[in-house]
C-alpha atoms as a PDB file:
ATOM      1  CA  UNK A   1       5.316   6.610  -9.354  1.00  0.00           C
ATOM      2  CA  UNK A   2       4.506   2.605  -8.046  1.00  0.00           C
ATOM      3  CA  UNK A   3       2.644   2.774  -4.116  1.00  0.00           C
ATOM      4  CA  UNK A   4       2.995  -1.198  -2.898  1.00  0.00           C
ATOM      5  CA  UNK A   5      -0.021  -1.720  -0.508  1.00  0.00           C
ATOM      6  CA  UNK A   6      -1.253  -4.342   1.206  1.00  0.00           C
ATOM      7  CA  UNK A   7      -0.873  -6.340   4.967  1.00  0.00           C
ATOM      8  CA  UNK A   8       2.152  -6.665   6.997  1.00  0.00           C
ATOM      9  CA  UNK A   9       3.475  -9.706   6.235  1.00  0.00           C
ATOM     10  CA  UNK A  10       2.999  -9.532   2.526  1.00  0.00           C
ATOM     11  CA  UNK A  11       6.407  -8.522   1.047  1.00  0.00           C
ATOM     12  CA  UNK A  12       6.165  -4.838   0.683  1.00  0.00           C
ATOM     13  CA  UNK A  13       9.235  -3.783   1.867  1.00  0.00           C
ATOM     14  CA  UNK A  14      10.996  -6.622   0.283  1.00  0.00           C
ATOM     15  CA  UNK A  15       9.454  -5.898  -3.389  1.00  0.00           C
ATOM     16  CA  UNK A  16      10.061  -1.994  -2.113  1.00  0.00           C
ATOM     17  CA  UNK A  17      13.708  -2.758  -1.663  1.00  0.00           C
ATOM     18  CA  UNK A  18      14.109  -5.288  -5.238  1.00  0.00           C
ATOM     19  CA  UNK A  19      12.316  -1.973  -7.023  1.00  0.00           C
ATOM     20  CA  UNK A  20      15.775   0.196  -5.536  1.00  0.00           C
ATOM     21  CA  UNK A  21      17.765  -2.528  -6.786  1.00  0.00           C
ATOM     22  CA  UNK A  22      16.332  -1.659 -10.081  1.00  0.00           C
ATOM     23  CA  UNK A  23      17.313   2.391  -9.863  1.00  0.00           C
ATOM     24  CA  UNK A  24      13.229   3.408  -8.017  1.00  0.00           C
ATOM     25  CA  UNK A  25      13.725   5.844  -5.978  1.00  0.00           C
ATOM     26  CA  UNK A  26      12.610   5.673  -2.218  1.00  0.00           C
ATOM     27  CA  UNK A  27       9.064   8.258  -1.303  1.00  0.00           C
ATOM     28  CA  UNK A  28      10.143  10.169   1.542  1.00  0.00           C
ATOM     29  CA  UNK A  29       7.025  10.626   3.483  1.00  0.00           C
ATOM     30  CA  UNK A  30       8.768  12.586   6.613  1.00  0.00           C
ATOM     31  CA  UNK A  31       6.492  16.043   5.888  1.00  0.00           C
ATOM     32  CA  UNK A  32       5.789  16.319  10.030  1.00  0.00           C
ATOM     33  CA  UNK A  33       4.294  20.085  10.157  1.00  0.00           C
ATOM     34  CA  UNK A  34       0.948  19.108   7.915  1.00  0.00           C
ATOM     35  CA  UNK A  35      -1.875  17.481   7.779  1.00  0.00           C
ATOM     36  CA  UNK A  36      -2.051  14.100   6.496  1.00  0.00           C
ATOM     37  CA  UNK A  37      -3.896  14.873   3.136  1.00  0.00           C
ATOM     38  CA  UNK A  38      -1.211  17.959   2.555  1.00  0.00           C
ATOM     39  CA  UNK A  39       1.697  15.164   2.864  1.00  0.00           C
ATOM     40  CA  UNK A  40       0.629  12.956   0.800  1.00  0.00           C
ATOM     41  CA  UNK A  41      -0.029  15.768  -1.673  1.00  0.00           C
ATOM     42  CA  UNK A  42       3.268  17.002  -1.040  1.00  0.00           C
ATOM     43  CA  UNK A  43       4.932  13.297  -1.547  1.00  0.00           C
ATOM     44  CA  UNK A  44       3.095  13.073  -5.266  1.00  0.00           C
ATOM     45  CA  UNK A  45       4.628  16.371  -5.982  1.00  0.00           C
ATOM     46  CA  UNK A  46       7.800  15.881  -5.207  1.00  0.00           C
ATOM     47  CA  UNK A  47       8.117  12.429  -6.588  1.00  0.00           C
ATOM     48  CA  UNK A  48       9.144  10.928  -9.777  1.00  0.00           C
ATOM     49  CA  UNK A  49       8.694   8.209 -12.966  1.00  0.00           C
ATOM     50  CA  UNK A  50      10.656   5.793 -11.263  1.00  0.00           C
ATOM     51  CA  UNK A  51       9.355   6.704  -7.757  1.00  0.00           C
ATOM     52  CA  UNK A  52       7.613   3.722  -4.998  1.00  0.00           C
ATOM     53  CA  UNK A  53       6.539   4.333  -1.847  1.00  0.00           C
ATOM     54  CA  UNK A  54       6.261   1.424   0.718  1.00  0.00           C
ATOM     55  CA  UNK A  55       2.058   2.000   2.020  1.00  0.00           C
ATOM     56  CA  UNK A  56      -0.264   4.949   1.170  1.00  0.00           C
ATOM     57  CA  UNK A  57      -2.770   7.574   2.174  1.00  0.00           C
ATOM     58  CA  UNK A  58      -4.782   3.618   1.256  1.00  0.00           C
ATOM     59  CA  UNK A  59      -3.037   2.363   4.315  1.00  0.00           C
ATOM     60  CA  UNK A  60      -4.626   5.576   6.181  1.00  0.00           C
ATOM     61  CA  UNK A  61      -8.111   5.162   5.302  1.00  0.00           C
ATOM     62  CA  UNK A  62      -8.037   0.422   5.851  1.00  0.00           C
ATOM     63  CA  UNK A  63      -6.438   0.664   8.932  1.00  0.00           C
ATOM     64  CA  UNK A  64      -7.311   3.450  10.650  1.00  0.00           C
ATOM     65  CA  UNK A  65     -10.950   2.211   9.910  1.00  0.00           C
ATOM     66  CA  UNK A  66     -10.265  -1.048  10.649  1.00  0.00           C
ATOM     67  CA  UNK A  67      -7.767  -0.481  13.764  1.00  0.00           C
ATOM     68  CA  UNK A  68      -9.124   3.269  15.762  1.00  0.00           C
ATOM     69  CA  UNK A  69     -12.321   3.200  13.980  1.00  0.00           C
ATOM     70  CA  UNK A  70     -11.434   6.788  12.324  1.00  0.00           C
ATOM     71  CA  UNK A  71      -9.398   8.185   9.216  1.00  0.00           C
ATOM     72  CA  UNK A  72      -6.704  11.187   9.565  1.00  0.00           C
ATOM     73  CA  UNK A  73      -8.246  11.805   5.987  1.00  0.00           C
ATOM     74  CA  UNK A  74     -11.918  12.477   5.275  1.00  0.00           C
ATOM     75  CA  UNK A  75     -13.372  11.002   2.446  1.00  0.00           C
ATOM     76  CA  UNK A  76     -13.465  13.771   0.730  1.00  0.00           C
ATOM     77  CA  UNK A  77      -9.855  14.406   0.700  1.00  0.00           C
ATOM     78  CA  UNK A  78      -9.348  10.767   0.065  1.00  0.00           C
ATOM     79  CA  UNK A  79     -11.258  11.070  -3.296  1.00  0.00           C
ATOM     80  CA  UNK A  80      -8.715  14.178  -4.222  1.00  0.00           C
ATOM     81  CA  UNK A  81      -5.778  12.264  -3.433  1.00  0.00           C
ATOM     82  CA  UNK A  82      -7.186   9.673  -5.964  1.00  0.00           C
ATOM     83  CA  UNK A  83      -8.041  12.073  -8.675  1.00  0.00           C
ATOM     84  CA  UNK A  84      -4.745  13.791  -8.143  1.00  0.00           C
ATOM     85  CA  UNK A  85      -2.088  10.888  -7.502  1.00  0.00           C
ATOM     86  CA  UNK A  86      -3.988   9.098 -11.185  1.00  0.00           C
ATOM     87  CA  UNK A  87      -2.648  12.967 -12.681  1.00  0.00           C
ATOM     88  CA  UNK A  88       0.400  11.140 -11.613  1.00  0.00           C
ATOM     89  CA  UNK A  89      -0.044   8.324 -13.229  1.00  0.00           C
ATOM     90  CA  UNK A  90       0.664   6.102 -10.171  1.00  0.00           C
ATOM     91  CA  UNK A  91       0.132   2.729 -10.045  1.00  0.00           C
ATOM     92  CA  UNK A  92      -1.026   0.272  -7.237  1.00  0.00           C
ATOM     93  CA  UNK A  93       0.446  -2.592  -6.134  1.00  0.00           C
ATOM     94  CA  UNK A  94      -1.477  -4.790  -4.284  1.00  0.00           C
ATOM     95  CA  UNK A  95      -0.149  -7.492  -2.843  1.00  0.00           C
ATOM     96  CA  UNK A  96      -1.985 -10.350  -0.189  1.00  0.00           C
ATOM     97  CA  UNK A  97      -1.587 -13.595   1.340  1.00  0.00           C
ATOM     98  CA  UNK A  98      -2.920 -16.352   2.924  1.00  0.00           C
ATOM     99  CA  UNK A  99      -3.912 -15.500   6.624  1.00  0.00           C
ATOM    100  CA  UNK A 100      -1.858 -18.676   7.845  1.00  0.00           C
ATOM    101  CA  UNK A 101       1.114 -17.516   5.518  1.00  0.00           C
ATOM    102  CA  UNK A 102       1.033 -14.379   6.952  1.00  0.00           C
ATOM    103  CA  UNK A 103       0.788 -15.534  10.310  1.00  0.00           C
ATOM    104  CA  UNK A 104       4.221 -17.930  10.019  1.00  0.00           C
ATOM    105  CA  UNK A 105       6.093 -14.895   8.181  1.00  0.00           C
ATOM    106  CA  UNK A 106       5.052 -12.505  11.181  1.00  0.00           C
ATOM    107  CA  UNK A 107       5.431 -15.293  14.010  1.00  0.00           C
ATOM    108  CA  UNK A 108       7.996 -13.196  15.624  1.00  0.00           C
ATOM    109  CA  UNK A 109       6.202 -10.225  15.906  1.00  0.00           C
ATOM    110  CA  UNK A 110       3.454 -10.283  18.620  1.00  0.00           C
ATOM    111  CA  UNK A 111       1.893  -7.465  17.705  1.00  0.00           C
ATOM    112  CA  UNK A 112       1.566  -7.676  13.771  1.00  0.00           C
ATOM    113  CA  UNK A 113       0.215 -11.361  14.841  1.00  0.00           C
ATOM    114  CA  UNK A 114      -2.308  -9.845  16.911  1.00  0.00           C
ATOM    115  CA  UNK A 115      -3.851  -7.846  14.268  1.00  0.00           C
ATOM    116  CA  UNK A 116      -2.888 -10.548  11.388  1.00  0.00           C
ATOM    117  CA  UNK A 117      -5.259 -13.714  13.378  1.00  0.00           C
ATOM    118  CA  UNK A 118      -7.895 -11.486  14.700  1.00  0.00           C
ATOM    119  CA  UNK A 119      -8.827  -8.323  11.707  1.00  0.00           C
ATOM    120  CA  UNK A 120      -7.356 -10.056   8.430  1.00  0.00           C
ATOM    121  CA  UNK A 121     -10.465 -10.938   7.269  1.00  0.00           C
ATOM    122  CA  UNK A 122     -11.655  -7.041   8.007  1.00  0.00           C
ATOM    123  CA  UNK A 123      -8.379  -5.400   6.864  1.00  0.00           C
ATOM    124  CA  UNK A 124      -9.043  -7.447   3.860  1.00  0.00           C
ATOM    125  CA  UNK A 125     -12.458  -6.499   2.911  1.00  0.00           C
ATOM    126  CA  UNK A 126     -11.551  -3.483   3.656  1.00  0.00           C
ATOM    127  CA  UNK A 127      -8.573  -3.006   0.958  1.00  0.00           C
ATOM    128  CA  UNK A 128     -10.303  -4.660  -1.638  1.00  0.00           C
ATOM    129  CA  UNK A 129     -13.152  -2.600  -1.211  1.00  0.00           C
ATOM    130  CA  UNK A 130     -10.820   0.661  -1.520  1.00  0.00           C
ATOM    131  CA  UNK A 131      -8.795  -1.003  -4.260  1.00  0.00           C
ATOM    132  CA  UNK A 132     -12.205  -1.780  -6.341  1.00  0.00           C
ATOM    133  CA  UNK A 133     -12.880   2.461  -6.199  1.00  0.00           C
ATOM    134  CA  UNK A 134      -9.341   3.404  -6.838  1.00  0.00           C
ATOM    135  CA  UNK A 135      -9.029   1.031 -10.184  1.00  0.00           C
ATOM    136  CA  UNK A 136     -11.389   3.102 -12.074  1.00  0.00           C
ATOM    137  CA  UNK A 137      -9.434   5.980 -11.659  1.00  0.00           C
ATOM    138  CA  UNK A 138      -5.769   3.911 -11.520  1.00  0.00           C
ATOM    139  CA  UNK A 139      -4.447   1.015 -12.470  1.00  0.00           C
ATOM    140  CA  UNK A 140      -3.867  -1.310  -9.540  1.00  0.00           C
ATOM    141  CA  UNK A 141      -2.473  -5.089  -9.883  1.00  0.00           C
ATOM    142  CA  UNK A 142      -3.194  -7.232  -6.912  1.00  0.00           C
ATOM    143  CA  UNK A 143      -0.343 -10.244  -6.797  1.00  0.00           C
ATOM    144  CA  UNK A 144      -0.995 -12.959  -4.319  1.00  0.00           C
ATOM    145  CA  UNK A 145       2.490 -13.563  -2.517  1.00  0.00           C
ATOM    146  CA  UNK A 146       2.321 -16.724  -1.564  1.00  0.00           C
ATOM    147  CA  UNK A 147       1.461 -18.220  -4.572  1.00  0.00           C
ATOM    148  CA  UNK A 148       4.837 -15.923  -6.355  1.00  0.00           C
ATOM    149  CA  UNK A 149       7.867 -16.065  -5.047  1.00  0.00           C
ATOM    150  CA  UNK A 150      10.046 -12.104  -5.479  1.00  0.00           C
ATOM    151  CA  UNK A 151      11.003 -13.393  -8.842  1.00  0.00           C
ATOM    152  CA  UNK A 152       7.400 -13.842 -10.213  1.00  0.00           C
ATOM    153  CA  UNK A 153       6.448 -10.600  -8.253  1.00  0.00           C
ATOM    154  CA  UNK A 154       8.930  -7.754 -10.017  1.00  0.00           C
ATOM    155  CA  UNK A 155       7.809  -9.605 -13.502  1.00  0.00           C
ATOM    156  CA  UNK A 156       4.147  -8.821 -13.342  1.00  0.00           C
ATOM    157  CA  UNK A 157       5.171  -5.797 -12.289  1.00  0.00           C
ATOM    158  CA  UNK A 158       7.380  -5.012 -15.392  1.00  0.00           C
ATOM    159  CA  UNK A 159       4.788  -6.706 -18.047  1.00  0.00           C
END
């Protein structure tokens, strides 16, 4: 399974759509009647080698902490999910770009622009802190989408 992570405007959905064209299967995350922890357990258990997810429990921890000062997962649940996803050979693709590039890409979305404008560095720092920890359990590939076009991003993933 591949999880695509990053701030709004980094190209996650575009990359997911490119992977779908290469016969990847989109992971459904619509387990409404379960805890967030069990939702993510079911996501990985129902995934395939060629599954792709647009965001995951990592975003829950990053955005929850920065935007709401609370998360829907405990640190223990987060650790358990990391270990479980690593057993399934999950790869994390972390997309990032400069603040200026993200503001240009999200120019028509006022809410996203406000979050990026005011919280860019805090979100980046939290993503990097979380992904640094995760990288000791599974493969994390960071790609700057401000410096790499779609074809270059895909090339790096399949290298």
